Amino acid sequence: MQASPLAAQAGFTVDDRGRIVTDESLRSISHPHVYAVGDAAHIRQRYGVMHGTCQGGMPTGVHAAMSIARELDGKQPKRFRFGYFHMPVSLGRATRSSSSPAPTTARAGHTWPGGRPSGTRRR
């Protein structure tokens, strides 16, 4: 995955894929008042650099939002540690599902942001 050249053109420190290089709190190392999340961020974890997939977008976005709230309260942001908020499951091209540890819809244990997954039917 190659990120948009916009971050590099704006003067951010980026990696070879154009992702903004972050510190342990997801702040840009060249612009510490800017947080980078999801596919746009080069995020180092114990096991290496996170790859740009949908699974990283939600936890990094939540962490950045919580960090900004901490900063507004005069506190330091915490170190980001990756963890899933959901478990995506691919059952082939026609069907897929997503399970959430904290149900957000009437069907306990399942969440379908933006509508139902293709290939599923209402019961």
PDB file of N, CA and C in Angstrom:
ATOM      1  N   MET A   1       0.827  -1.164   0.000  1.00  0.00           N
ATOM      2  CA  MET A   1       0.000   0.000   0.000  1.00  0.00           C
ATOM      3  C   MET A   1       0.883   1.242   0.000  1.00  0.00           C
ATOM      4  N   GLN A   2       0.627   2.139  -0.889  1.00  0.00           N
ATOM      5  CA  GLN A   2       1.350   3.417  -0.964  1.00  0.00           C
ATOM      6  C   GLN A   2       0.403   4.515  -0.523  1.00  0.00           C
ATOM      7  N   ALA A   3       0.808   5.284   0.479  1.00  0.00           N
ATOM      8  CA  ALA A   3      -0.028   6.382   0.973  1.00  0.00           C
ATOM      9  C   ALA A   3       0.011   7.556  -0.004  1.00  0.00           C
ATOM     10  N   SER A   4      -0.926   8.437   0.156  1.00  0.00           N
ATOM     11  CA  SER A   4      -0.974   9.660  -0.646  1.00  0.00           C
ATOM     12  C   SER A   4       0.306  10.472  -0.436  1.00  0.00           C
ATOM     13  N   PRO A   5       0.807  11.153  -1.451  1.00  0.00           N
ATOM     14  CA  PRO A   5       2.021  11.958  -1.298  1.00  0.00           C
ATOM     15  C   PRO A   5       1.792  13.257  -0.516  1.00  0.00           C
ATOM     16  N   LEU A   6       0.572  13.518  -0.131  1.00  0.00           N
ATOM     17  CA  LEU A   6       0.231  14.769   0.543  1.00  0.00           C
ATOM     18  C   LEU A   6       1.052  15.012   1.812  1.00  0.00           C
ATOM     19  N   ALA A   7       1.243  13.976   2.648  1.00  0.00           N
ATOM     20  CA  ALA A   7       1.997  14.153   3.901  1.00  0.00           C
ATOM     21  C   ALA A   7       3.442  14.568   3.615  1.00  0.00           C
ATOM     22  N   ALA A   8       4.078  13.920   2.664  1.00  0.00           N
ATOM     23  CA  ALA A   8       5.461  14.280   2.311  1.00  0.00           C
ATOM     24  C   ALA A   8       5.517  15.687   1.734  1.00  0.00           C
ATOM     25  N   GLN A   9       4.558  16.027   0.888  1.00  0.00           N
ATOM     26  CA  GLN A   9       4.521  17.362   0.290  1.00  0.00           C
ATOM     27  C   GLN A   9       4.307  18.443   1.351  1.00  0.00           C
ATOM     28  N   ALA A  10       3.640  18.077   2.455  1.00  0.00           N
ATOM     29  CA  ALA A  10       3.388  19.031   3.539  1.00  0.00           C
ATOM     30  C   ALA A  10       4.568  19.134   4.500  1.00  0.00           C
ATOM     31  N   GLY A  11       5.604  18.318   4.278  1.00  0.00           N
ATOM     32  CA  GLY A  11       6.804  18.413   5.111  1.00  0.00           C
ATOM     33  C   GLY A  11       6.881  17.439   6.270  1.00  0.00           C
ATOM     34  N   PHE A  12       5.951  16.480   6.343  1.00  0.00           N
ATOM     35  CA  PHE A  12       6.014  15.477   7.400  1.00  0.00           C
ATOM     36  C   PHE A  12       7.125  14.476   7.105  1.00  0.00           C
ATOM     37  N   THR A  13       7.712  13.904   8.149  1.00  0.00           N
ATOM     38  CA  THR A  13       8.643  12.799   7.975  1.00  0.00           C
ATOM     39  C   THR A  13       7.810  11.569   7.640  1.00  0.00           C
ATOM     40  N   VAL A  14       8.104  10.947   6.498  1.00  0.00           N
ATOM     41  CA  VAL A  14       7.352   9.779   6.041  1.00  0.00           C
ATOM     42  C   VAL A  14       8.298   8.610   5.789  1.00  0.00           C
ATOM     43  N   ASP A  15       7.730   7.405   5.751  1.00  0.00           N
ATOM     44  CA  ASP A  15       8.524   6.219   5.433  1.00  0.00           C
ATOM     45  C   ASP A  15       8.549   6.001   3.923  1.00  0.00           C
ATOM     46  N   ASP A  16       9.090   4.881   3.486  1.00  0.00           N
ATOM     47  CA  ASP A  16       9.211   4.607   2.049  1.00  0.00           C
ATOM     48  C   ASP A  16       7.866   4.368   1.364  1.00  0.00           C
ATOM     49  N   ARG A  17       6.803   4.220   2.145  1.00  0.00           N
ATOM     50  CA  ARG A  17       5.460   4.057   1.584  1.00  0.00           C
ATOM     51  C   ARG A  17       4.628   5.333   1.702  1.00  0.00           C
ATOM     52  N   GLY A  18       5.241   6.405   2.184  1.00  0.00           N
ATOM     53  CA  GLY A  18       4.551   7.678   2.286  1.00  0.00           C
ATOM     54  C   GLY A  18       3.743   7.867   3.556  1.00  0.00           C
ATOM     55  N   ARG A  19       3.855   6.914   4.513  1.00  0.00           N
ATOM     56  CA  ARG A  19       3.109   7.009   5.770  1.00  0.00           C
ATOM     57  C   ARG A  19       3.848   7.910   6.752  1.00  0.00           C
ATOM     58  N   ILE A  20       3.110   8.678   7.532  1.00  0.00           N
ATOM     59  CA  ILE A  20       3.699   9.577   8.531  1.00  0.00           C
ATOM     60  C   ILE A  20       4.333   8.749   9.642  1.00  0.00           C
ATOM     61  N   VAL A  21       5.613   9.012   9.915  1.00  0.00           N
ATOM     62  CA  VAL A  21       6.328   8.294  10.972  1.00  0.00           C
ATOM     63  C   VAL A  21       5.901   8.878  12.314  1.00  0.00           C
ATOM     64  N   THR A  22       5.472   7.985  13.225  1.00  0.00           N
ATOM     65  CA  THR A  22       4.928   8.417  14.510  1.00  0.00           C
ATOM     66  C   THR A  22       5.824   8.012  15.673  1.00  0.00           C
ATOM     67  N   ASP A  23       5.597   8.706  16.810  1.00  0.00           N
ATOM     68  CA  ASP A  23       6.243   8.295  18.050  1.00  0.00           C
ATOM     69  C   ASP A  23       5.356   7.242  18.718  1.00  0.00           C
ATOM     70  N   GLU A  24       5.673   6.862  19.938  1.00  0.00           N
ATOM     71  CA  GLU A  24       4.923   5.797  20.614  1.00  0.00           C
ATOM     72  C   GLU A  24       3.488   6.191  20.957  1.00  0.00           C
ATOM     73  N   SER A  25       3.169   7.478  20.872  1.00  0.00           N
ATOM     74  CA  SER A  25       1.815   7.951  21.165  1.00  0.00           C
ATOM     75  C   SER A  25       1.005   8.252  19.903  1.00  0.00           C
ATOM     76  N   LEU A  26       1.570   7.975  18.734  1.00  0.00           N
ATOM     77  CA  LEU A  26       0.978   8.207  17.416  1.00  0.00           C
ATOM     78  C   LEU A  26       1.092   9.649  16.949  1.00  0.00           C
ATOM     79  N   ARG A  27       1.961  10.429  17.595  1.00  0.00           N
ATOM     80  CA  ARG A  27       2.200  11.796  17.132  1.00  0.00           C
ATOM     81  C   ARG A  27       3.285  11.761  16.060  1.00  0.00           C
ATOM     82  N   SER A  28       3.169  12.624  15.084  1.00  0.00           N
ATOM     83  CA  SER A  28       4.189  12.743  14.052  1.00  0.00           C
ATOM     84  C   SER A  28       5.516  13.105  14.701  1.00  0.00           C
ATOM     85  N   ILE A  29       6.602  12.443  14.283  1.00  0.00           N
ATOM     86  CA  ILE A  29       7.905  12.772  14.882  1.00  0.00           C
ATOM     87  C   ILE A  29       8.410  14.125  14.403  1.00  0.00           C
ATOM     88  N   SER A  30       7.903  14.601  13.261  1.00  0.00           N
ATOM     89  CA  SER A  30       8.342  15.906  12.765  1.00  0.00           C
ATOM     90  C   SER A  30       7.382  17.033  13.134  1.00  0.00           C
ATOM     91  N   HIS A  31       6.133  16.688  13.446  1.00  0.00           N
ATOM     92  CA  HIS A  31       5.105  17.667  13.808  1.00  0.00           C
ATOM     93  C   HIS A  31       4.348  17.109  15.019  1.00  0.00           C
ATOM     94  N   PRO A  32       4.904  17.228  16.227  1.00  0.00           N
ATOM     95  CA  PRO A  32       4.353  16.542  17.405  1.00  0.00           C
ATOM     96  C   PRO A  32       2.952  16.964  17.832  1.00  0.00           C
ATOM     97  N   HIS A  33       2.398  18.002  17.242  1.00  0.00           N
ATOM     98  CA  HIS A  33       1.022  18.377  17.574  1.00  0.00           C
ATOM     99  C   HIS A  33       0.026  17.746  16.607  1.00  0.00           C
ATOM    100  N   VAL A  34       0.522  16.856  15.739  1.00  0.00           N
ATOM    101  CA  VAL A  34      -0.328  16.175  14.758  1.00  0.00           C
ATOM    102  C   VAL A  34      -0.277  14.677  15.031  1.00  0.00           C
ATOM    103  N   TYR A  35      -1.446  14.051  15.103  1.00  0.00           N
ATOM    104  CA  TYR A  35      -1.543  12.604  15.259  1.00  0.00           C
ATOM    105  C   TYR A  35      -1.780  11.977  13.890  1.00  0.00           C
ATOM    106  N   ALA A  36      -1.183  10.817  13.658  1.00  0.00           N
ATOM    107  CA  ALA A  36      -1.401  10.069  12.419  1.00  0.00           C
ATOM    108  C   ALA A  36      -2.009   8.720  12.782  1.00  0.00           C
ATOM    109  N   VAL A  37      -3.018   8.291  12.034  1.00  0.00           N
ATOM    110  CA  VAL A  37      -3.719   7.053  12.353  1.00  0.00           C
ATOM    111  C   VAL A  37      -3.977   6.228  11.090  1.00  0.00           C
ATOM    112  N   GLY A  38      -4.311   4.972  11.298  1.00  0.00           N
ATOM    113  CA  GLY A  38      -4.719   4.088  10.212  1.00  0.00           C
ATOM    114  C   GLY A  38      -3.665   3.910   9.136  1.00  0.00           C
ATOM    115  N   ASP A  39      -4.125   3.844   7.888  1.00  0.00           N
ATOM    116  CA  ASP A  39      -3.246   3.601   6.743  1.00  0.00           C
ATOM    117  C   ASP A  39      -2.223   4.710   6.532  1.00  0.00           C
ATOM    118  N   ALA A  40      -2.483   5.896   7.068  1.00  0.00           N
ATOM    119  CA  ALA A  40      -1.589   7.042   6.857  1.00  0.00           C
ATOM    120  C   ALA A  40      -0.423   7.066   7.831  1.00  0.00           C
ATOM    121  N   ALA A  41      -0.388   6.112   8.777  1.00  0.00           N
ATOM    122  CA  ALA A  41       0.613   6.157   9.844  1.00  0.00           C
ATOM    123  C   ALA A  41       1.593   4.991   9.811  1.00  0.00           C
ATOM    124  N   HIS A  42       2.852   5.305  10.050  1.00  0.00           N
ATOM    125  CA  HIS A  42       3.916   4.309  10.244  1.00  0.00           C
ATOM    126  C   HIS A  42       4.014   4.130  11.757  1.00  0.00           C
ATOM    127  N   ILE A  43       3.465   3.011  12.263  1.00  0.00           N
ATOM    128  CA  ILE A  43       3.350   2.786  13.699  1.00  0.00           C
ATOM    129  C   ILE A  43       4.182   1.574  14.086  1.00  0.00           C
ATOM    130  N   ARG A  44       5.185   1.804  14.902  1.00  0.00           N
ATOM    131  CA  ARG A  44       6.045   0.715  15.354  1.00  0.00           C
ATOM    132  C   ARG A  44       5.473   0.108  16.623  1.00  0.00           C
ATOM    133  N   GLN A  45       5.383  -1.224  16.621  1.00  0.00           N
ATOM    134  CA  GLN A  45       4.968  -2.001  17.782  1.00  0.00           C
ATOM    135  C   GLN A  45       6.077  -2.994  18.121  1.00  0.00           C
ATOM    136  N   ARG A  46       5.913  -3.770  19.187  1.00  0.00           N
ATOM    137  CA  ARG A  46       6.939  -4.749  19.591  1.00  0.00           C
ATOM    138  C   ARG A  46       7.308  -5.692  18.448  1.00  0.00           C
ATOM    139  N   TYR A  47       6.329  -6.093  17.654  1.00  0.00           N
ATOM    140  CA  TYR A  47       6.525  -7.078  16.597  1.00  0.00           C
ATOM    141  C   TYR A  47       6.985  -6.467  15.276  1.00  0.00           C
ATOM    142  N   GLY A  48       7.062  -5.152  15.191  1.00  0.00           N
ATOM    143  CA  GLY A  48       7.466  -4.476  13.959  1.00  0.00           C
ATOM    144  C   GLY A  48       6.513  -3.338  13.637  1.00  0.00           C
ATOM    145  N   VAL A  49       6.481  -2.958  12.370  1.00  0.00           N
ATOM    146  CA  VAL A  49       5.617  -1.858  11.942  1.00  0.00           C
ATOM    147  C   VAL A  49       4.249  -2.417  11.555  1.00  0.00           C
ATOM    148  N   MET A  50       3.189  -1.758  12.047  1.00  0.00           N
ATOM    149  CA  MET A  50       1.833  -2.191  11.697  1.00  0.00           C
ATOM    150  C   MET A  50       1.619  -2.040  10.195  1.00  0.00           C
ATOM    151  N   HIS A  51       0.950  -3.012   9.593  1.00  0.00           N
ATOM    152  CA  HIS A  51       0.620  -2.893   8.178  1.00  0.00           C
ATOM    153  C   HIS A  51      -0.685  -2.128   8.038  1.00  0.00           C
ATOM    154  N   GLY A  52      -0.870  -1.499   6.918  1.00  0.00           N
ATOM    155  CA  GLY A  52      -2.051  -0.667   6.699  1.00  0.00           C
ATOM    156  C   GLY A  52      -3.260  -1.475   6.315  1.00  0.00           C
ATOM    157  N   THR A  53      -4.070  -1.851   7.296  1.00  0.00           N
ATOM    158  CA  THR A  53      -5.311  -2.566   7.040  1.00  0.00           C
ATOM    159  C   THR A  53      -6.426  -1.927   7.854  1.00  0.00           C
ATOM    160  N   CYS A  54      -7.637  -2.336   7.593  1.00  0.00           N
ATOM    161  CA  CYS A  54      -8.787  -1.763   8.305  1.00  0.00           C
ATOM    162  C   CYS A  54      -8.716  -2.026   9.804  1.00  0.00           C
ATOM    163  N   GLN A  55      -8.070  -3.114  10.215  1.00  0.00           N
ATOM    164  CA  GLN A  55      -8.007  -3.444  11.632  1.00  0.00           C
ATOM    165  C   GLN A  55      -7.250  -2.402  12.448  1.00  0.00           C
ATOM    166  N   GLY A  56      -6.342  -1.648  11.824  1.00  0.00           N
ATOM    167  CA  GLY A  56      -5.575  -0.647  12.547  1.00  0.00           C
ATOM    168  C   GLY A  56      -6.255   0.704  12.645  1.00  0.00           C
ATOM    169  N   GLY A  57      -7.183   0.988  11.749  1.00  0.00           N
ATOM    170  CA  GLY A  57      -7.805   2.302  11.720  1.00  0.00           C
ATOM    171  C   GLY A  57      -8.607   2.630  12.961  1.00  0.00           C
ATOM    172  N   MET A  58      -9.444   1.707  13.397  1.00  0.00           N
ATOM    173  CA  MET A  58     -10.301   1.986  14.534  1.00  0.00           C
ATOM    174  C   MET A  58      -9.506   2.152  15.843  1.00  0.00           C
ATOM    175  N   PRO A  59      -8.631   1.215  16.206  1.00  0.00           N
ATOM    176  CA  PRO A  59      -7.909   1.399  17.472  1.00  0.00           C
ATOM    177  C   PRO A  59      -6.968   2.602  17.464  1.00  0.00           C
ATOM    178  N   THR A  60      -6.344   2.906  16.329  1.00  0.00           N
ATOM    179  CA  THR A  60      -5.459   4.080  16.304  1.00  0.00           C
ATOM    180  C   THR A  60      -6.259   5.370  16.366  1.00  0.00           C
ATOM    181  N   GLY A  61      -7.419   5.407  15.712  1.00  0.00           N
ATOM    182  CA  GLY A  61      -8.275   6.587  15.777  1.00  0.00           C
ATOM    183  C   GLY A  61      -8.796   6.843  17.181  1.00  0.00           C
ATOM    184  N   VAL A  62      -9.213   5.769  17.859  1.00  0.00           N
ATOM    185  CA  VAL A  62      -9.693   5.896  19.241  1.00  0.00           C
ATOM    186  C   VAL A  62      -8.558   6.377  20.142  1.00  0.00           C
ATOM    187  N   HIS A  63      -7.371   5.797  19.972  1.00  0.00           N
ATOM    188  CA  HIS A  63      -6.226   6.206  20.802  1.00  0.00           C
ATOM    189  C   HIS A  63      -5.891   7.679  20.587  1.00  0.00           C
ATOM    190  N   ALA A  64      -5.877   8.116  19.342  1.00  0.00           N
ATOM    191  CA  ALA A  64      -5.568   9.525  19.060  1.00  0.00           C
ATOM    192  C   ALA A  64      -6.607  10.442  19.694  1.00  0.00           C
ATOM    193  N   ALA A  65      -7.888  10.089  19.597  1.00  0.00           N
ATOM    194  CA  ALA A  65      -8.943  10.910  20.201  1.00  0.00           C
ATOM    195  C   ALA A  65      -8.774  10.983  21.714  1.00  0.00           C
ATOM    196  N   MET A  66      -8.480   9.841  22.340  1.00  0.00           N
ATOM    197  CA  MET A  66      -8.281   9.826  23.785  1.00  0.00           C
ATOM    198  C   MET A  66      -7.034  10.621  24.175  1.00  0.00           C
ATOM    199  N   SER A  67      -6.008  10.560  23.360  1.00  0.00           N
ATOM    200  CA  SER A  67      -4.781  11.311  23.634  1.00  0.00           C
ATOM    201  C   SER A  67      -5.010  12.812  23.545  1.00  0.00           C
ATOM    202  N   ILE A  68      -5.778  13.234  22.557  1.00  0.00           N
ATOM    203  CA  ILE A  68      -6.092  14.658  22.426  1.00  0.00           C
ATOM    204  C   ILE A  68      -6.889  15.126  23.646  1.00  0.00           C
ATOM    205  N   ALA A  69      -7.841  14.300  24.092  1.00  0.00           N
ATOM    206  CA  ALA A  69      -8.618  14.646  25.290  1.00  0.00           C
ATOM    207  C   ALA A  69      -7.702  14.753  26.509  1.00  0.00           C
ATOM    208  N   ARG A  70      -6.742  13.833  26.623  1.00  0.00           N
ATOM    209  CA  ARG A  70      -5.783  13.891  27.742  1.00  0.00           C
ATOM    210  C   ARG A  70      -4.984  15.186  27.682  1.00  0.00           C
ATOM    211  N   GLU A  71      -4.508  15.540  26.496  1.00  0.00           N
ATOM    212  CA  GLU A  71      -3.724  16.771  26.352  1.00  0.00           C
ATOM    213  C   GLU A  71      -4.546  18.003  26.715  1.00  0.00           C
ATOM    214  N   LEU A  72      -5.821  18.017  26.338  1.00  0.00           N
ATOM    215  CA  LEU A  72      -6.689  19.140  26.686  1.00  0.00           C
ATOM    216  C   LEU A  72      -6.890  19.245  28.198  1.00  0.00           C
ATOM    217  N   ASP A  73      -6.750  18.108  28.901  1.00  0.00           N
ATOM    218  CA  ASP A  73      -6.837  18.090  30.366  1.00  0.00           C
ATOM    219  C   ASP A  73      -5.483  18.336  31.029  1.00  0.00           C
ATOM    220  N   GLY A  74      -4.458  18.670  30.217  1.00  0.00           N
ATOM    221  CA  GLY A  74      -3.131  18.953  30.761  1.00  0.00           C
ATOM    222  C   GLY A  74      -2.301  17.727  31.069  1.00  0.00           C
ATOM    223  N   LYS A  75      -2.694  16.558  30.546  1.00  0.00           N
ATOM    224  CA  LYS A  75      -1.965  15.308  30.784  1.00  0.00           C
ATOM    225  C   LYS A  75      -1.187  14.917  29.537  1.00  0.00           C
ATOM    226  N   GLN A  76      -0.222  14.041  29.715  1.00  0.00           N
ATOM    227  CA  GLN A  76       0.568  13.521  28.603  1.00  0.00           C
ATOM    228  C   GLN A  76      -0.177  12.366  27.931  1.00  0.00           C
ATOM    229  N   PRO A  77      -0.050  12.234  26.611  1.00  0.00           N
ATOM    230  CA  PRO A  77      -0.672  11.079  25.937  1.00  0.00           C
ATOM    231  C   PRO A  77       0.039   9.790  26.345  1.00  0.00           C
ATOM    232  N   LYS A  78      -0.706   8.706  26.318  1.00  0.00           N
ATOM    233  CA  LYS A  78      -0.131   7.399  26.655  1.00  0.00           C
ATOM    234  C   LYS A  78       0.438   6.732  25.404  1.00  0.00           C
ATOM    235  N   ARG A  79       1.279   5.745  25.630  1.00  0.00           N
ATOM    236  CA  ARG A  79       1.847   4.939  24.552  1.00  0.00           C
ATOM    237  C   ARG A  79       0.737   4.095  23.920  1.00  0.00           C
ATOM    238  N   PHE A  80       0.741   4.009  22.593  1.00  0.00           N
ATOM    239  CA  PHE A  80      -0.237   3.194  21.882  1.00  0.00           C
ATOM    240  C   PHE A  80       0.184   1.736  21.927  1.00  0.00           C
ATOM    241  N   ARG A  81      -0.757   0.874  22.251  1.00  0.00           N
ATOM    242  CA  ARG A  81      -0.543  -0.564  22.182  1.00  0.00           C
ATOM    243  C   ARG A  81      -1.708  -1.159  21.416  1.00  0.00           C
ATOM    244  N   PHE A  82      -1.414  -1.788  20.295  1.00  0.00           N
ATOM    245  CA  PHE A  82      -2.460  -2.295  19.412  1.00  0.00           C
ATOM    246  C   PHE A  82      -3.308  -3.360  20.099  1.00  0.00           C
ATOM    247  N   GLY A  83      -4.603  -3.271  19.871  1.00  0.00           N
ATOM    248  CA  GLY A  83      -5.561  -4.273  20.307  1.00  0.00           C
ATOM    249  C   GLY A  83      -6.799  -4.150  19.438  1.00  0.00           C
ATOM    250  N   TYR A  84      -7.485  -5.246  19.236  1.00  0.00           N
ATOM    251  CA  TYR A  84      -8.680  -5.244  18.391  1.00  0.00           C
ATOM    252  C   TYR A  84      -9.893  -4.721  19.140  1.00  0.00           C
ATOM    253  N   PHE A  85     -10.737  -3.939  18.438  1.00  0.00           N
ATOM    254  CA  PHE A  85     -12.041  -3.549  18.933  1.00  0.00           C
ATOM    255  C   PHE A  85     -13.104  -4.449  18.333  1.00  0.00           C
ATOM    256  N   HIS A  86     -12.733  -5.207  17.326  1.00  0.00           N
ATOM    257  CA  HIS A  86     -13.647  -6.096  16.640  1.00  0.00           C
ATOM    258  C   HIS A  86     -12.841  -7.233  16.031  1.00  0.00           C
ATOM    259  N   MET A  87     -13.535  -8.243  15.522  1.00  0.00           N
ATOM    260  CA  MET A  87     -12.850  -9.342  14.864  1.00  0.00           C
ATOM    261  C   MET A  87     -13.458  -9.539  13.479  1.00  0.00           C
ATOM    262  N   PRO A  88     -12.779  -9.028  12.428  1.00  0.00           N
ATOM    263  CA  PRO A  88     -13.300  -9.222  11.080  1.00  0.00           C
ATOM    264  C   PRO A  88     -13.126 -10.673  10.638  1.00  0.00           C
ATOM    265  N   VAL A  89     -14.113 -11.170   9.941  1.00  0.00           N
ATOM    266  CA  VAL A  89     -14.067 -12.547   9.465  1.00  0.00           C
ATOM    267  C   VAL A  89     -14.452 -12.543   7.998  1.00  0.00           C
ATOM    268  N   SER A  90     -13.631 -13.137   7.162  1.00  0.00           N
ATOM    269  CA  SER A  90     -13.958 -13.269   5.748  1.00  0.00           C
ATOM    270  C   SER A  90     -14.374 -14.702   5.483  1.00  0.00           C
ATOM    271  N   LEU A  91     -15.545 -14.861   4.894  1.00  0.00           N
ATOM    272  CA  LEU A  91     -16.053 -16.191   4.572  1.00  0.00           C
ATOM    273  C   LEU A  91     -16.101 -16.393   3.067  1.00  0.00           C
ATOM    274  N   GLY A  92     -15.292 -15.642   2.347  1.00  0.00           N
ATOM    275  CA  GLY A  92     -15.297 -15.699   0.894  1.00  0.00           C
ATOM    276  C   GLY A  92     -15.786 -14.388   0.329  1.00  0.00           C
ATOM    277  N   ARG A  93     -15.918 -14.333  -0.984  1.00  0.00           N
ATOM    278  CA  ARG A  93     -16.295 -13.082  -1.641  1.00  0.00           C
ATOM    279  C   ARG A  93     -17.733 -12.670  -1.365  1.00  0.00           C
ATOM    280  N   ALA A  94     -18.643 -13.601  -1.196  1.00  0.00           N
ATOM    281  CA  ALA A  94     -20.064 -13.262  -1.085  1.00  0.00           C
ATOM    282  C   ALA A  94     -20.513 -12.976   0.344  1.00  0.00           C
ATOM    283  N   THR A  95     -19.800 -13.476   1.330  1.00  0.00           N
ATOM    284  CA  THR A  95     -20.250 -13.298   2.712  1.00  0.00           C
ATOM    285  C   THR A  95     -19.098 -12.884   3.608  1.00  0.00           C
ATOM    286  N   ARG A  96     -19.433 -12.088   4.615  1.00  0.00           N
ATOM    287  CA  ARG A  96     -18.462 -11.725   5.638  1.00  0.00           C
ATOM    288  C   ARG A  96     -19.237 -11.240   6.856  1.00  0.00           C
ATOM    289  N   SER A  97     -18.566 -11.178   7.958  1.00  0.00           N
ATOM    290  CA  SER A  97     -19.219 -10.777   9.192  1.00  0.00           C
ATOM    291  C   SER A  97     -18.214 -10.048  10.047  1.00  0.00           C
ATOM    292  N   SER A  98     -18.700  -9.351  11.048  1.00  0.00           N
ATOM    293  CA  SER A  98     -17.831  -8.667  11.986  1.00  0.00           C
ATOM    294  C   SER A  98     -18.415  -8.825  13.370  1.00  0.00           C
ATOM    295  N   SER A  99     -17.612  -9.241  14.303  1.00  0.00           N
ATOM    296  CA  SER A  99     -18.073  -9.439  15.662  1.00  0.00           C
ATOM    297  C   SER A  99     -17.425  -8.406  16.560  1.00  0.00           C
ATOM    298  N   SER A 100     -18.177  -7.911  17.511  1.00  0.00           N
ATOM    299  CA  SER A 100     -17.684  -6.869  18.408  1.00  0.00           C
ATOM    300  C   SER A 100     -17.756  -7.338  19.845  1.00  0.00           C
ATOM    301  N   PRO A 101     -16.699  -7.104  20.637  1.00  0.00           N
ATOM    302  CA  PRO A 101     -16.764  -7.474  22.046  1.00  0.00           C
ATOM    303  C   PRO A 101     -17.758  -6.613  22.826  1.00  0.00           C
ATOM    304  N   ALA A 102     -18.090  -5.444  22.311  1.00  0.00           N
ATOM    305  CA  ALA A 102     -19.073  -4.562  22.946  1.00  0.00           C
ATOM    306  C   ALA A 102     -20.191  -4.327  21.940  1.00  0.00           C
ATOM    307  N   PRO A 103     -21.267  -5.119  21.974  1.00  0.00           N
ATOM    308  CA  PRO A 103     -22.324  -5.011  20.963  1.00  0.00           C
ATOM    309  C   PRO A 103     -22.862  -3.591  20.831  1.00  0.00           C
ATOM    310  N   THR A 104     -23.039  -3.161  19.587  1.00  0.00           N
ATOM    311  CA  THR A 104     -23.527  -1.804  19.342  1.00  0.00           C
ATOM    312  C   THR A 104     -24.824  -1.810  18.546  1.00  0.00           C
ATOM    313  N   THR A 105     -25.385  -2.988  18.309  1.00  0.00           N
ATOM    314  CA  THR A 105     -26.644  -3.071  17.570  1.00  0.00           C
ATOM    315  C   THR A 105     -27.598  -3.985  18.314  1.00  0.00           C
ATOM    316  N   ALA A 106     -28.809  -4.098  17.810  1.00  0.00           N
ATOM    317  CA  ALA A 106     -29.812  -4.933  18.465  1.00  0.00           C
ATOM    318  C   ALA A 106     -29.422  -6.408  18.461  1.00  0.00           C
ATOM    319  N   ARG A 107     -28.663  -6.845  17.466  1.00  0.00           N
ATOM    320  CA  ARG A 107     -28.210  -8.239  17.426  1.00  0.00           C
ATOM    321  C   ARG A 107     -26.966  -8.356  18.265  1.00  0.00           C
ATOM    322  N   ALA A 108     -27.049  -8.944  19.411  1.00  0.00           N
ATOM    323  CA  ALA A 108     -25.923  -9.041  20.344  1.00  0.00           C
ATOM    324  C   ALA A 108     -24.717  -9.688  19.684  1.00  0.00           C
ATOM    325  N   GLY A 109     -23.577  -9.044  19.856  1.00  0.00           N
ATOM    326  CA  GLY A 109     -22.327  -9.596  19.362  1.00  0.00           C
ATOM    327  C   GLY A 109     -21.987  -9.260  17.936  1.00  0.00           C
ATOM    328  N   HIS A 110     -22.894  -8.598  17.210  1.00  0.00           N
ATOM    329  CA  HIS A 110     -22.630  -8.285  15.813  1.00  0.00           C
ATOM    330  C   HIS A 110     -22.802  -6.799  15.554  1.00  0.00           C
ATOM    331  N   THR A 111     -21.930  -6.265  14.747  1.00  0.00           N
ATOM    332  CA  THR A 111     -22.061  -4.874  14.341  1.00  0.00           C
ATOM    333  C   THR A 111     -21.754  -4.765  12.864  1.00  0.00           C
ATOM    334  N   TRP A 112     -22.558  -4.006  12.135  1.00  0.00           N
ATOM    335  CA  TRP A 112     -22.374  -3.826  10.715  1.00  0.00           C
ATOM    336  C   TRP A 112     -22.375  -2.344  10.395  1.00  0.00           C
ATOM    337  N   PRO A 113     -21.264  -1.654  10.627  1.00  0.00           N
ATOM    338  CA  PRO A 113     -21.229  -0.216  10.325  1.00  0.00           C
ATOM    339  C   PRO A 113     -21.501   0.019   8.844  1.00  0.00           C
ATOM    340  N   GLY A 114     -22.350   0.975   8.535  1.00  0.00           N
ATOM    341  CA  GLY A 114     -22.619   1.303   7.142  1.00  0.00           C
ATOM    342  C   GLY A 114     -23.564   0.348   6.457  1.00  0.00           C
ATOM    343  N   GLY A 115     -24.234  -0.517   7.193  1.00  0.00           N
ATOM    344  CA  GLY A 115     -25.182  -1.441   6.581  1.00  0.00           C
ATOM    345  C   GLY A 115     -24.764  -2.878   6.778  1.00  0.00           C
ATOM    346  N   ARG A 116     -25.580  -3.777   6.309  1.00  0.00           N
ATOM    347  CA  ARG A 116     -25.313  -5.200   6.461  1.00  0.00           C
ATOM    348  C   ARG A 116     -24.260  -5.664   5.473  1.00  0.00           C
ATOM    349  N   PRO A 117     -23.443  -6.634   5.865  1.00  0.00           N
ATOM    350  CA  PRO A 117     -22.448  -7.173   4.930  1.00  0.00           C
ATOM    351  C   PRO A 117     -23.118  -7.821   3.727  1.00  0.00           C
ATOM    352  N   SER A 118     -22.475  -7.781   2.605  1.00  0.00           N
ATOM    353  CA  SER A 118     -23.047  -8.404   1.420  1.00  0.00           C
ATOM    354  C   SER A 118     -23.176  -9.900   1.655  1.00  0.00           C
ATOM    355  N   GLY A 119     -24.193 -10.493   1.085  1.00  0.00           N
ATOM    356  CA  GLY A 119     -24.386 -11.923   1.209  1.00  0.00           C
ATOM    357  C   GLY A 119     -25.098 -12.343   2.477  1.00  0.00           C
ATOM    358  N   THR A 120     -25.516 -11.398   3.313  1.00  0.00           N
ATOM    359  CA  THR A 120     -26.252 -11.766   4.524  1.00  0.00           C
ATOM    360  C   THR A 120     -27.718 -11.427   4.331  1.00  0.00           C
ATOM    361  N   ARG A 121     -28.572 -12.130   5.035  1.00  0.00           N
ATOM    362  CA  ARG A 121     -30.012 -11.899   4.941  1.00  0.00           C
ATOM    363  C   ARG A 121     -30.565 -11.609   6.324  1.00  0.00           C
ATOM    364  N   ARG A 122     -31.623 -10.831   6.360  1.00  0.00           N
ATOM    365  CA  ARG A 122     -32.324 -10.618   7.629  1.00  0.00           C
ATOM    366  C   ARG A 122     -33.081 -11.889   7.962  1.00  0.00           C
ATOM    367  N   ARG A 123     -33.176 -12.181   9.239  1.00  0.00           N
ATOM    368  CA  ARG A 123     -33.924 -13.388   9.674  1.00  0.00           C
ATOM    369  C   ARG A 123     -35.322 -13.037  10.062  1.00  0.00           C
TER     370      ARG A 123
END
